Amino acid sequence: MRIVVKVGTSNIIRKNGSIDIHSMDLLARTISDIKNMGNEIILVSSGAIGVGTNKLGLPERPRELRMKQAVASVGQCELMHLYDKLFSEYGQTVGQILLTGGDVERKTSAEHLTRTFEALLELGAIPIVNENDSVSSAEIETGKDKVLGDNDTLSSIVAVLCSADLLVILSDIDGLYDKDPNCHPDARLIPVVYEITDDLRHACGDAGEWGTGGMLTKLDAAMRAMQNGIDMIITNGSKIENLYKIAQEEPVGTRFVSMKKKEAVSL
């Protein structure tokens, strides 16, 4: 199975702004083990600005655009250093791919990306993908280019480029609820979604302190995946062991069933 796993900033950065080494190590170990089971894994990782903020000893995430870009540059180096070190401990080789909106919009660039992903997987490497914040943030924040804008969107684009079987988004909650579980104790988890409706969109929550995307961006990512024949699962990133259940096709979190599979069930 070819699986794209997206990890958010909140999964690798603690609330106090420090790097959660334990979480990153557990992620690397679990992904390595699932790959050893015969699966192909592509990791989409947020966190460059959060890691850079910590690396530079800044008291808080910068607000000025040029500082965000500079911090992202430092953070991306540190992020890949950590991933390379951690995955190497479990016998895995990683490769870095940084993308901008133009890279996926242009047909020729998208084709090159697809071939690069295929080559990395053929070589047994784990591609680690992030948006090139040092270049693309200016376009995103000025509204000139919103192709990517968040890594939920990016992960769904990568899943399509790679012809993935499954997209897994690791969030800070267990899945999609019928209402905001942070405000409503009686909120119920929705285990399976066949269609994204306006009612589902009303269940979206706000972005976390260190992340940039809320549940709405995840629904948009699910829509793109479903339309391209790819299932998507939202599950809690603090429960990394859920990836084993997902690899064994056990029910976890919220599963968005692709159009193709929905049609097959109908038949």
Protein backbone atom coordinates (compact mmCIF):
# COMPACT_ATOMS: atom_id res chain seq x y z
CA MET A 1 0.00 0.00 0.00
CA ARG A 2 1.24 3.49 -0.83
CA ILE A 3 0.45 5.80 2.09
CA VAL A 4 0.94 9.55 2.45
CA VAL A 5 1.19 10.56 6.11
CA LYS A 6 0.84 14.22 7.05
CA VAL A 7 2.08 15.35 10.45
CA GLY A 8 1.15 18.79 11.77
CA THR A 9 3.18 21.30 13.70
CA SER A 10 1.18 20.58 16.86
CA ASN A 11 2.35 16.95 16.68
CA ILE A 12 6.07 17.81 16.79
CA ILE A 13 6.12 21.11 18.72
CA ARG A 14 5.11 21.20 22.39
CA LYS A 15 2.79 23.91 23.70
CA ASN A 16 5.77 25.71 25.20
CA GLY A 17 7.40 25.91 21.75
CA SER A 18 10.06 23.24 22.28
CA ILE A 19 10.57 20.32 19.89
CA ASP A 20 8.84 17.10 20.93
CA ILE A 21 11.71 14.68 20.29
CA HIS A 22 9.80 11.77 21.81
CA SER A 23 6.90 12.25 19.39
CA MET A 24 9.22 12.59 16.39
CA ASP A 25 11.16 9.48 17.38
CA LEU A 26 7.97 7.46 17.81
CA LEU A 27 6.75 8.67 14.43
CA ALA A 28 10.02 7.68 12.73
CA ARG A 29 10.04 4.25 14.40
CA THR A 30 6.42 3.51 13.53
CA ILE A 31 6.69 4.66 9.93
CA SER A 32 9.90 2.67 9.51
CA ASP A 33 8.20 -0.45 10.86
CA ILE A 34 5.16 -0.02 8.63
CA LYS A 35 7.46 0.45 5.64
CA ASN A 36 9.27 -2.75 6.59
CA MET A 37 5.88 -4.50 6.41
CA GLY A 38 5.91 -3.86 2.66
CA ASN A 39 4.27 -0.44 2.42
CA GLU A 40 5.54 2.69 0.66
CA ILE A 41 5.45 5.83 2.80
CA ILE A 42 5.60 9.51 1.89
CA LEU A 43 5.77 11.89 4.87
CA VAL A 44 4.42 15.44 4.60
CA SER A 45 5.69 17.37 7.59
CA SER A 46 4.84 20.82 8.87
CA GLY A 47 6.94 22.48 11.53
CA ALA A 48 9.70 24.50 9.85
CA ILE A 49 8.70 27.80 11.45
CA GLY A 50 8.04 26.20 14.83
CA VAL A 51 11.37 24.36 14.82
CA GLY A 52 13.19 27.46 13.58
CA THR A 53 11.63 29.56 16.33
CA ASN A 54 12.98 27.09 18.88
CA LYS A 55 16.39 26.79 17.18
CA LEU A 56 16.90 30.56 17.16
CA GLY A 57 15.74 30.94 20.77
CA LEU A 58 12.94 33.34 19.87
CA PRO A 59 10.27 33.93 22.53
CA GLU A 60 7.40 33.47 20.06
CA ARG A 61 6.60 32.71 16.43
CA PRO A 62 7.52 35.79 14.34
CA ARG A 63 4.76 37.85 12.78
CA GLU A 64 6.68 39.79 10.13
CA LEU A 65 6.77 37.99 6.77
CA ARG A 66 10.51 38.29 6.14
CA MET A 67 11.22 36.97 9.63
CA LYS A 68 8.86 34.04 9.10
CA GLN A 69 10.71 33.19 5.90
CA ALA A 70 14.11 33.44 7.60
CA VAL A 71 12.98 31.34 10.56
CA ALA A 72 11.50 28.75 8.18
CA SER A 73 14.85 28.50 6.40
CA VAL A 74 16.65 27.73 9.67
CA GLY A 75 13.85 25.46 10.84
CA GLN A 76 13.74 23.37 7.68
CA CYS A 77 17.45 22.56 8.03
CA GLU A 78 16.98 21.49 11.64
CA LEU A 79 13.79 19.58 10.87
CA MET A 80 15.45 17.50 8.16
CA HIS A 81 18.52 16.98 10.36
CA LEU A 82 16.28 15.51 13.04
CA TYR A 83 14.32 13.35 10.62
CA ASP A 84 17.50 12.09 8.97
CA LYS A 85 19.03 11.20 12.33
CA LEU A 86 15.88 9.54 13.70
CA PHE A 87 15.01 7.55 10.59
CA SER A 88 18.64 6.45 10.23
CA GLU A 89 18.39 4.86 13.67
CA TYR A 90 15.74 2.55 12.19
CA GLY A 91 17.63 1.76 9.00
CA GLN A 92 15.78 4.17 6.72
CA THR A 93 16.99 6.74 4.19
CA VAL A 94 15.03 9.95 3.70
CA GLY A 95 14.92 12.49 0.89
CA GLN A 96 13.71 16.09 1.03
CA ILE A 97 11.24 17.67 -1.40
CA LEU A 98 10.22 21.32 -0.98
CA LEU A 99 7.32 22.59 -3.07
CA THR A 100 5.66 25.84 -4.07
CA GLY A 101 2.30 26.38 -5.71
CA GLY A 102 3.91 26.88 -9.10
CA ASP A 103 5.62 23.49 -8.88
CA VAL A 104 2.30 21.66 -8.80
CA GLU A 105 0.42 24.00 -11.14
CA ARG A 106 2.82 23.67 -14.05
CA LYS A 107 2.30 20.42 -15.94
CA THR A 108 5.99 19.87 -16.68
CA SER A 109 7.02 20.50 -13.06
CA ALA A 110 4.26 18.24 -11.76
CA GLU A 111 5.41 15.45 -14.09
CA HIS A 112 9.00 15.84 -12.85
CA LEU A 113 7.76 15.68 -9.28
CA THR A 114 5.82 12.51 -9.95
CA ARG A 115 8.88 10.88 -11.47
CA THR A 116 11.05 12.02 -8.56
CA PHE A 117 8.63 10.52 -6.04
CA GLU A 118 8.55 7.27 -8.00
CA ALA A 119 12.34 7.12 -8.15
CA LEU A 120 12.74 7.76 -4.42
CA LEU A 121 10.22 5.05 -3.58
CA GLU A 122 11.87 2.67 -6.03
CA LEU A 123 15.18 3.30 -4.25
CA GLY A 124 13.56 2.46 -0.93
CA ALA A 125 13.77 6.00 0.44
CA ILE A 126 11.10 7.87 2.38
CA PRO A 127 10.32 11.23 0.74
CA ILE A 128 9.74 14.00 3.29
CA VAL A 129 7.77 16.89 1.85
CA ASN A 130 7.13 20.43 3.03
CA GLU A 131 6.11 23.68 1.42
CA ASN A 132 9.04 25.94 0.58
CA ASP A 133 8.02 28.63 3.07
CA SER A 134 11.05 30.81 2.36
CA VAL A 135 9.79 31.28 -1.21
CA SER A 136 6.05 30.66 -1.21
CA SER A 137 4.93 32.44 1.98
CA ALA A 138 5.13 35.83 0.29
CA GLU A 139 2.80 34.69 -2.48
CA ILE A 140 0.40 33.06 -0.03
CA GLU A 141 0.16 35.97 2.41
CA THR A 142 -0.30 38.57 -0.33
CA GLY A 143 -3.05 36.48 -1.88
CA LYS A 144 -1.30 36.04 -5.24
CA ASP A 145 -0.96 32.30 -5.03
CA LYS A 146 -3.06 30.11 -2.77
CA VAL A 147 -2.49 26.75 -4.42
CA LEU A 148 -0.93 25.35 -1.26
CA GLY A 149 -1.16 27.62 1.76
CA ASP A 150 -1.27 24.80 4.32
CA ASN A 151 0.08 21.30 4.55
CA ASP A 152 -3.32 19.63 4.64
CA THR A 153 -3.82 20.90 1.11
CA LEU A 154 -0.23 20.03 0.24
CA SER A 155 -0.60 16.47 1.49
CA SER A 156 -3.67 15.89 -0.69
CA ILE A 157 -1.84 17.27 -3.72
CA VAL A 158 1.12 14.99 -2.98
CA ALA A 159 -1.24 12.01 -2.60
CA VAL A 160 -2.63 12.70 -6.08
CA LEU A 161 0.82 13.24 -7.60
CA CYS A 162 1.99 9.94 -6.11
CA SER A 163 -1.17 8.01 -6.97
CA ALA A 164 -1.39 7.04 -3.30
CA ASP A 165 -3.80 4.44 -2.00
CA LEU A 166 -4.39 6.32 1.23
CA LEU A 167 -3.82 9.74 2.80
CA VAL A 168 -3.52 9.89 6.60
CA ILE A 169 -3.67 13.26 8.33
CA LEU A 170 -2.40 13.23 11.91
CA SER A 171 -4.31 15.89 13.82
CA ASP A 172 -4.64 17.02 17.43
CA ILE A 173 -8.04 15.33 17.80
CA ASP A 174 -9.31 11.81 17.10
CA GLY A 175 -11.15 12.69 13.89
CA LEU A 176 -14.13 14.66 12.59
CA TYR A 177 -16.91 15.35 15.09
CA ASP A 178 -20.49 16.45 14.58
CA LYS A 179 -19.56 19.61 16.53
CA ASP A 180 -16.47 21.15 18.09
CA PRO A 181 -15.37 18.69 20.83
CA ASN A 182 -13.40 21.47 22.57
CA CYS A 183 -16.63 23.34 23.25
CA HIS A 184 -19.19 20.52 23.37
CA PRO A 185 -18.53 17.51 25.67
CA ASP A 186 -21.33 15.60 23.95
CA ALA A 187 -19.71 15.86 20.51
CA ARG A 188 -19.69 12.53 18.65
CA LEU A 189 -16.97 11.19 16.39
CA ILE A 190 -18.06 10.55 12.81
CA PRO A 191 -16.39 7.25 11.81
CA VAL A 192 -17.09 7.26 8.06
CA VAL A 193 -17.82 10.04 5.57
CA TYR A 194 -19.06 9.38 2.03
CA GLU A 195 -19.88 12.97 1.12
CA ILE A 196 -18.70 16.34 2.38
CA THR A 197 -21.76 18.47 3.07
CA ASP A 198 -22.36 21.96 4.44
CA ASP A 199 -23.32 20.39 7.78
CA LEU A 200 -19.89 18.77 8.02
CA ARG A 201 -18.21 22.07 7.33
CA HIS A 202 -20.04 23.63 10.26
CA ALA A 203 -18.23 21.12 12.50
CA CYS A 204 -14.86 22.69 11.67
CA GLY A 205 -12.77 24.12 14.50
CA ASP A 206 -10.22 26.93 14.67
CA ALA A 207 -6.51 26.57 13.98
CA GLY A 208 -4.25 25.79 16.92
CA GLU A 209 -1.65 28.18 18.29
CA TRP A 210 1.30 26.66 16.47
CA GLY A 211 -0.48 25.32 13.40
CA THR A 212 -2.04 27.22 10.50
CA GLY A 213 -4.83 24.89 9.39
CA GLY A 214 -8.10 23.93 11.04
CA MET A 215 -10.61 21.22 10.23
CA LEU A 216 -11.92 23.09 7.18
CA THR A 217 -8.62 22.64 5.36
CA LYS A 218 -8.77 18.93 6.17
CA LEU A 219 -12.21 18.69 4.61
CA ASP A 220 -10.87 20.41 1.50
CA ALA A 221 -8.00 17.91 1.44
CA ALA A 222 -10.47 15.06 1.83
CA MET A 223 -12.52 16.38 -1.08
CA ARG A 224 -9.49 16.42 -3.39
CA ALA A 225 -8.44 12.93 -2.30
CA MET A 226 -11.93 11.46 -2.64
CA GLN A 227 -12.39 12.94 -6.11
CA ASN A 228 -9.16 11.27 -7.19
CA GLY A 229 -10.00 7.81 -5.88
CA ILE A 230 -7.97 8.10 -2.67
CA ASP A 231 -9.35 7.40 0.80
CA MET A 232 -8.35 9.79 3.57
CA ILE A 233 -8.22 9.24 7.33
CA ILE A 234 -8.03 11.85 10.10
CA THR A 235 -6.66 10.45 13.35
CA ASN A 236 -4.96 11.69 16.49
CA GLY A 237 -1.23 12.31 16.07
CA SER A 238 -0.65 11.66 19.76
CA LYS A 239 -1.70 8.04 19.14
CA ILE A 240 0.94 7.08 16.60
CA GLU A 241 0.20 3.39 17.16
CA ASN A 242 -3.01 3.98 15.21
CA LEU A 243 -0.88 3.88 12.07
CA TYR A 244 -0.51 0.12 12.58
CA LYS A 245 -4.28 -0.28 12.67
CA ILE A 246 -4.62 1.85 9.58
CA ALA A 247 -2.02 -0.21 7.71
CA GLN A 248 -4.04 -3.31 8.62
CA GLU A 249 -7.23 -1.58 7.43
CA GLU A 250 -8.83 -1.48 10.88
CA PRO A 251 -11.29 1.37 11.62
CA VAL A 252 -9.55 4.37 13.18
CA GLY A 253 -10.56 8.02 13.42
CA THR A 254 -12.66 9.32 10.55
CA ARG A 255 -12.35 7.68 7.14
CA PHE A 256 -13.37 9.62 4.04
CA VAL A 257 -14.30 7.08 1.38
CA SER A 258 -13.27 7.91 -2.19
CA MET A 259 -15.79 8.31 -4.99
CA LYS A 260 -14.54 5.18 -6.74
CA LYS A 261 -14.97 3.01 -3.66
CA LYS A 262 -18.37 4.53 -2.95
CA GLU A 263 -19.48 3.67 -6.49
CA ALA A 264 -18.12 0.12 -6.13
CA VAL A 265 -20.13 -0.37 -2.93
CA SER A 266 -23.25 0.95 -4.66
CA LEU A 267 -22.86 -1.60 -7.42
